[in-house]
């Protein structure tokens, strides 16, 4: 069996991850690493019309969490030359099945 966290998730996050501060709804904040990006999401409007929109997202390793991330948790992302950073609220957690997740985020404040 492949140890995805040791062989894939850990090395990828070590190379491409950025430090962030995770603030669970219950409990003390702690540091994590993640890959921040704008994710595309399809939205169906009334009448069957669909559009595609961008939503900020953070890729994370679940091994960095004592308790899995949940809706309403917050994450503070430091600004870089690629993005403005800011504070975000977790809107949705999408597990990938191999020890990682994408956190879909809503912008909360700068």
C-alpha atoms as a PDB file:
ATOM      1  CA  UNK A   1       0.000   0.000   0.000  1.00  0.00           C
ATOM      2  CA  UNK A   2       1.292   3.467  -0.874  1.00  0.00           C
ATOM      3  CA  UNK A   3       1.893   5.896   1.995  1.00  0.00           C
ATOM      4  CA  UNK A   4       0.503   8.888   0.084  1.00  0.00           C
ATOM      5  CA  UNK A   5       1.349  11.386   2.785  1.00  0.00           C
ATOM      6  CA  UNK A   6       5.007  10.337   3.004  1.00  0.00           C
ATOM      7  CA  UNK A   7       5.603   9.726  -0.709  1.00  0.00           C
ATOM      8  CA  UNK A   8       3.421  12.372  -2.378  1.00  0.00           C
ATOM      9  CA  UNK A   9       1.541  14.842  -0.171  1.00  0.00           C
ATOM     10  CA  UNK A  10       4.428  15.688   2.164  1.00  0.00           C
ATOM     11  CA  UNK A  11       7.068  16.290  -0.534  1.00  0.00           C
ATOM     12  CA  UNK A  12       4.653  18.265  -2.751  1.00  0.00           C
ATOM     13  CA  UNK A  13       3.635  20.530   0.130  1.00  0.00           C
ATOM     14  CA  UNK A  14       7.283  20.956   1.196  1.00  0.00           C
ATOM     15  CA  UNK A  15       8.109  22.165  -2.325  1.00  0.00           C
ATOM     16  CA  UNK A  16       5.034  24.213  -3.203  1.00  0.00           C
ATOM     17  CA  UNK A  17       3.188  24.940   0.061  1.00  0.00           C
ATOM     18  CA  UNK A  18       3.018  28.346   1.714  1.00  0.00           C
ATOM     19  CA  UNK A  19       2.730  28.879   5.467  1.00  0.00           C
ATOM     20  CA  UNK A  20      -0.732  29.833   6.728  1.00  0.00           C
ATOM     21  CA  UNK A  21      -2.424  30.211  10.104  1.00  0.00           C
ATOM     22  CA  UNK A  22      -5.401  27.894  10.676  1.00  0.00           C
ATOM     23  CA  UNK A  23      -8.037  29.069  13.158  1.00  0.00           C
ATOM     24  CA  UNK A  24     -10.502  26.305  14.015  1.00  0.00           C
ATOM     25  CA  UNK A  25     -13.967  27.404  15.167  1.00  0.00           C
ATOM     26  CA  UNK A  26     -13.190  25.598  18.449  1.00  0.00           C
ATOM     27  CA  UNK A  27      -9.608  25.386  19.670  1.00  0.00           C
ATOM     28  CA  UNK A  28      -6.330  27.230  19.388  1.00  0.00           C
ATOM     29  CA  UNK A  29      -4.894  28.503  16.066  1.00  0.00           C
ATOM     30  CA  UNK A  30      -1.916  26.642  14.577  1.00  0.00           C
ATOM     31  CA  UNK A  31       0.376  26.842  11.577  1.00  0.00           C
ATOM     32  CA  UNK A  32      -0.160  24.787   8.429  1.00  0.00           C
ATOM     33  CA  UNK A  33       1.148  24.761   4.862  1.00  0.00           C
ATOM     34  CA  UNK A  34      -1.099  24.975   1.838  1.00  0.00           C
ATOM     35  CA  UNK A  35      -1.297  25.727  -1.849  1.00  0.00           C
ATOM     36  CA  UNK A  36      -3.514  28.771  -2.302  1.00  0.00           C
ATOM     37  CA  UNK A  37      -5.271  29.318  -5.635  1.00  0.00           C
ATOM     38  CA  UNK A  38      -8.499  30.346  -7.295  1.00  0.00           C
ATOM     39  CA  UNK A  39     -10.617  27.255  -7.961  1.00  0.00           C
ATOM     40  CA  UNK A  40     -13.244  27.198 -10.675  1.00  0.00           C
ATOM     41  CA  UNK A  41     -16.750  26.163  -9.743  1.00  0.00           C
ATOM     42  CA  UNK A  42     -19.811  25.650 -11.897  1.00  0.00           C
ATOM     43  CA  UNK A  43     -22.974  27.408 -10.700  1.00  0.00           C
ATOM     44  CA  UNK A  44     -26.442  26.556 -12.046  1.00  0.00           C
ATOM     45  CA  UNK A  45     -28.790  29.518 -12.216  1.00  0.00           C
ATOM     46  CA  UNK A  46     -32.587  29.458 -12.246  1.00  0.00           C
ATOM     47  CA  UNK A  47     -33.854  28.294 -15.615  1.00  0.00           C
ATOM     48  CA  UNK A  48     -30.986  25.874 -16.262  1.00  0.00           C
ATOM     49  CA  UNK A  49     -28.412  28.467 -17.260  1.00  0.00           C
ATOM     50  CA  UNK A  50     -24.951  27.669 -15.935  1.00  0.00           C
ATOM     51  CA  UNK A  51     -21.921  29.839 -15.341  1.00  0.00           C
ATOM     52  CA  UNK A  52     -18.407  29.245 -14.101  1.00  0.00           C
ATOM     53  CA  UNK A  53     -16.991  31.380 -11.315  1.00  0.00           C
ATOM     54  CA  UNK A  54     -13.786  31.539  -9.300  1.00  0.00           C
ATOM     55  CA  UNK A  55     -13.604  30.688  -5.620  1.00  0.00           C
ATOM     56  CA  UNK A  56     -10.460  30.895  -3.482  1.00  0.00           C
ATOM     57  CA  UNK A  57      -9.212  27.503  -2.332  1.00  0.00           C
ATOM     58  CA  UNK A  58      -6.410  26.070  -0.228  1.00  0.00           C
ATOM     59  CA  UNK A  59      -4.928  22.617  -0.766  1.00  0.00           C
ATOM     60  CA  UNK A  60      -3.839  21.069   2.564  1.00  0.00           C
ATOM     61  CA  UNK A  61      -2.362  17.873   4.035  1.00  0.00           C
ATOM     62  CA  UNK A  62      -4.757  16.336   6.553  1.00  0.00           C
ATOM     63  CA  UNK A  63      -1.746  15.066   8.568  1.00  0.00           C
ATOM     64  CA  UNK A  64      -1.225  18.670   9.751  1.00  0.00           C
ATOM     65  CA  UNK A  65      -4.630  18.689  11.503  1.00  0.00           C
ATOM     66  CA  UNK A  66      -5.357  17.064  14.883  1.00  0.00           C
ATOM     67  CA  UNK A  67      -9.070  17.459  14.028  1.00  0.00           C
ATOM     68  CA  UNK A  68     -10.158  17.594  10.360  1.00  0.00           C
ATOM     69  CA  UNK A  69     -10.956  21.065   8.975  1.00  0.00           C
ATOM     70  CA  UNK A  70     -14.648  22.008   8.954  1.00  0.00           C
ATOM     71  CA  UNK A  71     -17.028  24.644   7.691  1.00  0.00           C
ATOM     72  CA  UNK A  72     -16.736  27.970   9.547  1.00  0.00           C
ATOM     73  CA  UNK A  73     -13.082  27.429  10.470  1.00  0.00           C
ATOM     74  CA  UNK A  74     -10.833  30.300   9.355  1.00  0.00           C
ATOM     75  CA  UNK A  75      -7.481  30.488   7.642  1.00  0.00           C
ATOM     76  CA  UNK A  76      -5.147  33.474   7.414  1.00  0.00           C
ATOM     77  CA  UNK A  77      -3.031  33.489   4.275  1.00  0.00           C
ATOM     78  CA  UNK A  78       0.013  35.751   4.046  1.00  0.00           C
ATOM     79  CA  UNK A  79       0.220  37.981   0.976  1.00  0.00           C
ATOM     80  CA  UNK A  80       2.866  37.122  -1.633  1.00  0.00           C
ATOM     81  CA  UNK A  81       3.809  38.530  -5.023  1.00  0.00           C
ATOM     82  CA  UNK A  82       1.253  36.081  -6.508  1.00  0.00           C
ATOM     83  CA  UNK A  83      -1.790  36.969  -4.365  1.00  0.00           C
ATOM     84  CA  UNK A  84      -3.063  39.466  -1.803  1.00  0.00           C
ATOM     85  CA  UNK A  85      -3.677  36.954   0.996  1.00  0.00           C
ATOM     86  CA  UNK A  86      -6.166  37.770   3.760  1.00  0.00           C
ATOM     87  CA  UNK A  87      -8.514  36.014   6.150  1.00  0.00           C
ATOM     88  CA  UNK A  88     -10.917  33.425   4.758  1.00  0.00           C
ATOM     89  CA  UNK A  89     -13.744  31.284   6.146  1.00  0.00           C
ATOM     90  CA  UNK A  90     -13.931  27.623   5.137  1.00  0.00           C
ATOM     91  CA  UNK A  91     -17.069  27.164   3.047  1.00  0.00           C
ATOM     92  CA  UNK A  92     -16.585  23.521   2.055  1.00  0.00           C
ATOM     93  CA  UNK A  93     -14.048  20.747   2.641  1.00  0.00           C
ATOM     94  CA  UNK A  94     -13.408  18.415  -0.316  1.00  0.00           C
ATOM     95  CA  UNK A  95     -11.399  15.334   0.685  1.00  0.00           C
ATOM     96  CA  UNK A  96      -9.314  13.719  -2.052  1.00  0.00           C
ATOM     97  CA  UNK A  97      -9.215  10.239  -0.503  1.00  0.00           C
ATOM     98  CA  UNK A  98      -5.409  10.066  -0.188  1.00  0.00           C
ATOM     99  CA  UNK A  99      -4.702  12.255   2.837  1.00  0.00           C
ATOM    100  CA  UNK A 100      -5.267  15.715   1.414  1.00  0.00           C
ATOM    101  CA  UNK A 101      -8.181  18.115   0.943  1.00  0.00           C
ATOM    102  CA  UNK A 102      -9.188  21.256  -0.872  1.00  0.00           C
ATOM    103  CA  UNK A 103     -10.723  23.903   1.371  1.00  0.00           C
ATOM    104  CA  UNK A 104     -13.116  26.100  -0.612  1.00  0.00           C
ATOM    105  CA  UNK A 105     -13.012  29.526   0.984  1.00  0.00           C
ATOM    106  CA  UNK A 106     -15.028  32.726   1.328  1.00  0.00           C
ATOM    107  CA  UNK A 107     -13.141  35.985   1.747  1.00  0.00           C
ATOM    108  CA  UNK A 108     -13.661  37.384   5.249  1.00  0.00           C
ATOM    109  CA  UNK A 109     -11.280  40.382   5.522  1.00  0.00           C
ATOM    110  CA  UNK A 110      -7.885  41.718   4.411  1.00  0.00           C
END
